[in-house]
Amino acid sequence: MENLRGRGRPFTGLGLQAAVTAMGLDPASDLPRLWAVLTVESRGFGFQPDRRPKLLFERHVFSRETDRRFDKRAPDLSNSEAGGYIGGAAEYERLDRAVALLADAGQAPEAALRSASWGLGQVMGFNHETAGFPSAAAMVAAILDEEDEHLMAMAGFVRAHKLGPKLKAGDWEAVAKTYNGKNFAEHGYHIKLRQAFEKFSSGVSRDLPIRRAQAALLYLGFGKTMGDVDGVLGDNTRRAIRAWRLHAGLPDSDRLDGGDFDLLMAAAGL
């Protein structure tokens, strides 16, 4: 679905603070809890390199949403059992095929959109009402351009499921069950959440301008050099900065000094 490519703007400090507050968390002390969830759910960034929101298509949800009518025809897309994941941009191929199945049956794509988890917080499409939208299509349209919208959709989900107190208490089993279902323990989601929280509580700084620069580098094709968009100025990010500077005809350096940051933002359209 090429029409789902937007601007891909990383979240802002104001957007982050508004979402954390809306979740019932303390912006001064609870950010590691939010970062833990984002890291486990989406590796901490809501867009793919092509600026489409990250998604994961859930075939068991699609089967349920369509009353099993496509189970025999396309069991890799419609199945009572979860699975069939490909990951990355290939998940859009699965979504496209599901939309095509619906179109052949004279139906709108809503059931397919409801069957995927979306963006930074990986909110399921069927949770659109708790995220504050009248339909999955409306939710997806809202998150195409700004990660701030990803955060607010997630905040709606957290509020609706009363996850704020559980996040504050570090009840990772409850958080994992709400996010990933009753079989969360099979995949160790609660363990991953706890480990991520411990990591983010260790004092490693998350710098939003660096995170923004990393997003720009990702969009410009330097993702393999850089690694994750995580707001940490590590060796991988420095290598990506150096590669971009050489590509842009700038002096050799692994820093973004002076107007270099603005040049990078302009090059990426951010």
Protein backbone atom coordinates (compact mmCIF):
# COMPACT_ATOMS: atom_id res chain seq x y z
CA MET A 1 0.00 0.00 0.00
CA GLU A 2 2.16 2.80 -1.37
CA ASN A 3 -0.38 5.41 -0.26
CA LEU A 4 0.65 4.72 3.35
CA ARG A 5 3.99 6.49 2.91
CA GLY A 6 4.10 9.79 4.82
CA ARG A 7 6.65 12.30 6.08
CA GLY A 8 7.96 10.07 8.85
CA ARG A 9 8.76 12.80 11.34
CA PRO A 10 10.24 11.61 14.67
CA PHE A 11 8.41 12.59 17.82
CA THR A 12 9.11 15.91 19.50
CA GLY A 13 9.87 16.67 23.12
CA LEU A 14 6.45 18.27 23.52
CA GLY A 15 4.77 15.26 21.93
CA LEU A 16 6.63 12.89 24.20
CA GLN A 17 5.72 14.84 27.32
CA ALA A 18 2.06 15.10 26.31
CA ALA A 19 1.80 11.37 25.65
CA VAL A 20 3.57 10.36 28.86
CA THR A 21 1.28 12.63 30.86
CA ALA A 22 -1.78 11.25 29.06
CA MET A 23 -0.67 7.74 30.04
CA GLY A 24 -0.65 8.76 33.69
CA LEU A 25 3.13 8.55 33.91
CA ASP A 26 5.62 11.07 35.26
CA PRO A 27 7.73 12.68 32.49
CA ALA A 28 10.50 13.23 35.02
CA SER A 29 10.87 9.65 36.23
CA ASP A 30 8.90 7.22 34.09
CA LEU A 31 10.50 7.63 30.66
CA PRO A 32 12.52 4.39 31.05
CA ARG A 33 9.22 2.52 31.37
CA LEU A 34 7.91 3.98 28.13
CA TRP A 35 11.22 3.42 26.31
CA ALA A 36 11.12 -0.22 27.42
CA VAL A 37 7.73 -0.80 25.79
CA LEU A 38 8.68 1.06 22.62
CA THR A 39 11.92 -0.88 22.28
CA VAL A 40 10.27 -4.28 22.64
CA GLU A 41 7.34 -3.40 20.38
CA SER A 42 9.02 -1.49 17.54
CA ARG A 43 12.76 -1.29 18.30
CA GLY A 44 12.07 2.26 19.43
CA PHE A 45 11.10 3.83 16.10
CA GLY A 46 7.75 3.98 14.35
CA PHE A 47 8.70 4.16 10.67
CA GLN A 48 10.43 1.96 8.15
CA PRO A 49 13.25 3.28 5.94
CA ASP A 50 10.65 4.06 3.24
CA ARG A 51 8.70 6.21 5.76
CA ARG A 52 5.72 3.90 6.00
CA PRO A 53 4.64 3.10 9.58
CA LYS A 54 6.04 -0.15 10.93
CA LEU A 55 3.46 -2.90 11.03
CA LEU A 56 3.04 -6.56 11.82
CA PHE A 57 0.20 -8.40 10.10
CA GLU A 58 -1.59 -10.91 12.34
CA ARG A 59 -3.16 -13.70 10.31
CA HIS A 60 -5.16 -15.08 13.24
CA VAL A 61 -6.76 -11.68 13.71
CA PHE A 62 -7.55 -11.42 10.00
CA SER A 63 -9.15 -14.85 10.16
CA ARG A 64 -11.31 -13.73 13.07
CA GLU A 65 -12.17 -10.39 11.48
CA THR A 66 -13.36 -12.10 8.28
CA ASP A 67 -15.26 -15.00 9.88
CA ARG A 68 -12.65 -17.50 8.61
CA ARG A 69 -13.82 -17.07 5.01
CA PHE A 70 -10.25 -16.92 3.62
CA ASP A 71 -8.68 -19.65 5.77
CA LYS A 72 -8.67 -22.31 3.07
CA ARG A 73 -7.87 -19.95 0.21
CA ALA A 74 -4.89 -18.21 1.87
CA PRO A 75 -3.85 -19.96 5.11
CA ASP A 76 -0.64 -17.92 5.29
CA LEU A 77 -2.80 -14.78 5.62
CA SER A 78 -5.90 -16.13 7.34
CA ASN A 79 -5.43 -18.80 9.94
CA SER A 80 -6.67 -19.69 13.40
CA GLU A 81 -3.02 -19.93 14.49
CA ALA A 82 -0.74 -16.92 14.77
CA GLY A 83 2.41 -16.83 12.70
CA GLY A 84 3.57 -16.47 9.12
CA TYR A 85 5.51 -13.32 9.93
CA ILE A 86 8.05 -12.09 7.40
CA GLY A 87 9.08 -8.86 9.11
CA GLY A 88 10.06 -5.42 7.91
CA ALA A 89 8.69 -4.03 4.67
CA ALA A 90 7.57 -7.53 3.62
CA GLU A 91 4.73 -7.26 6.12
CA TYR A 92 3.19 -4.73 3.73
CA GLU A 93 3.16 -7.42 1.06
CA ARG A 94 1.06 -9.55 3.39
CA LEU A 95 -1.22 -6.59 4.08
CA ASP A 96 -1.57 -5.89 0.33
CA ARG A 97 -2.57 -9.49 -0.32
CA ALA A 98 -5.15 -9.36 2.46
CA VAL A 99 -6.57 -6.13 1.03
CA ALA A 100 -6.72 -7.79 -2.39
CA LEU A 101 -8.67 -10.73 -0.93
CA LEU A 102 -11.18 -8.31 0.53
CA ALA A 103 -11.42 -6.35 -2.72
CA ASP A 104 -12.13 -9.56 -4.66
CA ALA A 105 -14.96 -10.19 -2.22
CA GLY A 106 -16.28 -6.65 -2.71
CA GLN A 107 -15.17 -5.48 0.72
CA ALA A 108 -13.27 -2.43 1.96
CA PRO A 109 -9.75 -2.86 3.41
CA GLU A 110 -10.85 -2.15 7.00
CA ALA A 111 -10.63 -5.79 8.15
CA ALA A 112 -7.04 -6.01 6.93
CA LEU A 113 -6.08 -2.74 8.61
CA ARG A 114 -7.69 -3.95 11.84
CA SER A 115 -5.53 -7.08 11.63
CA ALA A 116 -2.15 -5.34 11.87
CA SER A 117 -0.30 -3.65 14.72
CA TRP A 118 0.87 -0.18 13.79
CA GLY A 119 3.67 2.26 14.38
CA LEU A 120 5.83 3.14 17.34
CA GLY A 121 3.51 1.65 19.95
CA GLN A 122 2.31 -1.23 17.74
CA VAL A 123 -1.33 -0.54 18.51
CA MET A 124 -3.56 -3.13 16.86
CA GLY A 125 -5.94 -1.76 14.26
CA PHE A 126 -8.93 -3.31 16.04
CA ASN A 127 -8.04 -1.13 19.05
CA HIS A 128 -8.70 2.04 17.04
CA GLU A 129 -11.51 3.20 19.32
CA THR A 130 -9.38 3.04 22.46
CA ALA A 131 -6.67 4.89 20.51
CA GLY A 132 -9.20 7.63 19.77
CA PHE A 133 -10.25 6.92 16.18
CA PRO A 134 -13.55 5.86 14.57
CA SER A 135 -11.89 3.23 12.37
CA ALA A 136 -8.60 1.49 11.77
CA ALA A 137 -8.31 3.38 8.49
CA ALA A 138 -8.63 6.68 10.36
CA MET A 139 -5.97 5.64 12.86
CA VAL A 140 -3.55 4.61 10.12
CA ALA A 141 -4.14 7.86 8.23
CA ALA A 142 -3.40 9.84 11.39
CA ILE A 143 -0.01 8.23 12.02
CA LEU A 144 1.46 8.56 8.53
CA ASP A 145 3.36 11.81 9.12
CA GLU A 146 4.16 12.28 12.79
CA GLU A 147 5.42 9.98 15.53
CA ASP A 148 3.72 12.34 17.97
CA GLU A 149 0.47 10.84 16.67
CA HIS A 150 1.86 7.33 17.25
CA LEU A 151 2.47 8.24 20.87
CA MET A 152 -0.99 9.68 21.39
CA ALA A 153 -2.62 6.60 19.86
CA MET A 154 -0.58 4.49 22.25
CA ALA A 155 -1.56 6.78 25.13
CA GLY A 156 -5.23 6.16 24.35
CA PHE A 157 -4.65 2.41 24.41
CA VAL A 158 -2.75 2.65 27.72
CA ARG A 159 -5.50 4.72 29.32
CA ALA A 160 -8.29 2.48 28.08
CA HIS A 161 -6.60 -0.62 29.49
CA LYS A 162 -5.51 1.09 32.72
CA LEU A 163 -1.88 0.23 32.04
CA GLY A 164 -0.42 3.40 33.55
CA PRO A 165 -0.41 2.10 37.17
CA LYS A 166 0.94 -1.27 36.00
CA LEU A 167 3.76 0.42 34.11
CA LYS A 168 4.59 2.56 37.15
CA ALA A 169 4.61 -0.54 39.36
CA GLY A 170 6.84 -2.46 36.96
CA ASP A 171 4.21 -5.18 36.56
CA TRP A 172 5.68 -6.38 33.29
CA GLU A 173 3.62 -9.54 33.20
CA ALA A 174 0.40 -7.51 33.25
CA VAL A 175 1.75 -5.14 30.59
CA ALA A 176 2.89 -8.04 28.39
CA LYS A 177 -0.45 -9.84 28.74
CA THR A 178 -2.39 -6.73 27.73
CA TYR A 179 -0.12 -6.00 24.80
CA ASN A 180 0.59 -9.52 23.54
CA GLY A 181 -2.21 -11.72 24.80
CA LYS A 182 -2.49 -14.63 27.16
CA ASN A 183 0.43 -16.51 25.57
CA PHE A 184 2.89 -13.69 26.26
CA ALA A 185 5.09 -15.90 28.45
CA GLU A 186 5.79 -18.30 25.58
CA HIS A 187 7.71 -15.53 23.86
CA GLY A 188 9.18 -14.05 27.03
CA TYR A 189 7.66 -10.61 26.43
CA HIS A 190 7.58 -9.80 30.13
CA ILE A 191 11.25 -10.72 30.44
CA LYS A 192 12.16 -8.57 27.44
CA LEU A 193 10.24 -5.65 28.92
CA ARG A 194 11.94 -5.98 32.29
CA GLN A 195 15.39 -6.25 30.70
CA ALA A 196 14.73 -3.21 28.52
CA PHE A 197 13.56 -1.22 31.53
CA GLU A 198 16.70 -2.16 33.45
CA LYS A 199 18.78 -1.02 30.49
CA PHE A 200 17.02 2.33 30.23
CA SER A 201 17.21 2.84 33.99
CA SER A 202 21.00 2.55 33.89
CA GLY A 203 21.47 6.20 32.97
CA VAL A 204 22.08 5.92 29.23
CA SER A 205 20.89 9.21 27.77
CA ARG A 206 18.35 9.35 24.93
CA ASP A 207 18.97 12.52 22.94
CA LEU A 208 16.05 13.63 20.75
CA PRO A 209 18.13 15.68 18.26
CA ILE A 210 20.40 12.64 17.79
CA ARG A 211 17.34 10.47 17.34
CA ARG A 212 16.09 12.91 14.71
CA ALA A 213 19.46 12.80 12.95
CA GLN A 214 19.34 9.00 13.02
CA ALA A 215 15.90 9.05 11.39
CA ALA A 216 17.24 11.32 8.65
CA LEU A 217 20.20 9.00 8.10
CA LEU A 218 17.85 6.02 7.91
CA TYR A 219 15.70 7.69 5.26
CA LEU A 220 18.76 8.73 3.26
CA GLY A 221 19.96 5.14 3.00
CA PHE A 222 22.53 4.92 5.81
CA GLY A 223 20.56 2.57 8.05
CA LYS A 224 22.86 -0.42 7.58
CA THR A 225 25.79 1.69 8.73
CA MET A 226 23.90 3.15 11.66
CA GLY A 227 21.76 0.50 13.35
CA ASP A 228 18.66 1.41 15.39
CA VAL A 229 17.10 4.85 15.75
CA ASP A 230 17.63 5.01 19.49
CA GLY A 231 18.83 8.52 20.36
CA VAL A 232 22.28 7.30 21.41
CA LEU A 233 25.35 8.74 19.69
CA GLY A 234 27.32 5.52 19.49
CA ASP A 235 29.96 4.23 17.12
CA ASN A 236 27.42 3.03 14.56
CA THR A 237 25.75 6.42 14.38
CA ARG A 238 29.11 8.15 14.10
CA ARG A 239 29.99 5.90 11.16
CA ALA A 240 26.69 6.76 9.50
CA ILE A 241 27.29 10.47 10.02
CA ARG A 242 30.75 10.16 8.49
CA ALA A 243 29.35 8.25 5.50
CA TRP A 244 26.63 10.85 4.93
CA ARG A 245 29.10 13.72 5.19
CA LEU A 246 31.35 12.14 2.57
CA HIS A 247 28.32 11.50 0.36
CA ALA A 248 27.25 15.15 0.78
CA GLY A 249 30.74 16.48 -0.02
CA LEU A 250 31.38 17.77 3.51
CA PRO A 251 34.72 17.56 5.36
CA ASP A 252 35.47 14.15 6.86
CA SER A 253 34.07 14.00 10.41
CA ASP A 254 31.73 11.95 12.56
CA ARG A 255 30.09 15.00 14.09
CA LEU A 256 27.20 17.29 13.15
CA ASP A 257 28.57 20.70 14.00
CA GLY A 258 27.32 24.15 13.06
CA GLY A 259 24.83 24.03 10.24
CA ASP A 260 25.54 20.39 9.37
CA PHE A 261 22.53 19.19 11.36
CA ASP A 262 20.26 21.55 9.42
CA LEU A 263 21.75 20.34 6.15
CA LEU A 264 21.03 16.75 7.13
CA MET A 265 17.44 17.60 8.08
CA ALA A 266 16.92 19.43 4.81
CA ALA A 267 18.35 16.54 2.81
CA ALA A 268 15.88 14.17 4.47
CA GLY A 269 12.94 16.57 4.30
CA LEU A 270 12.63 16.77 8.06
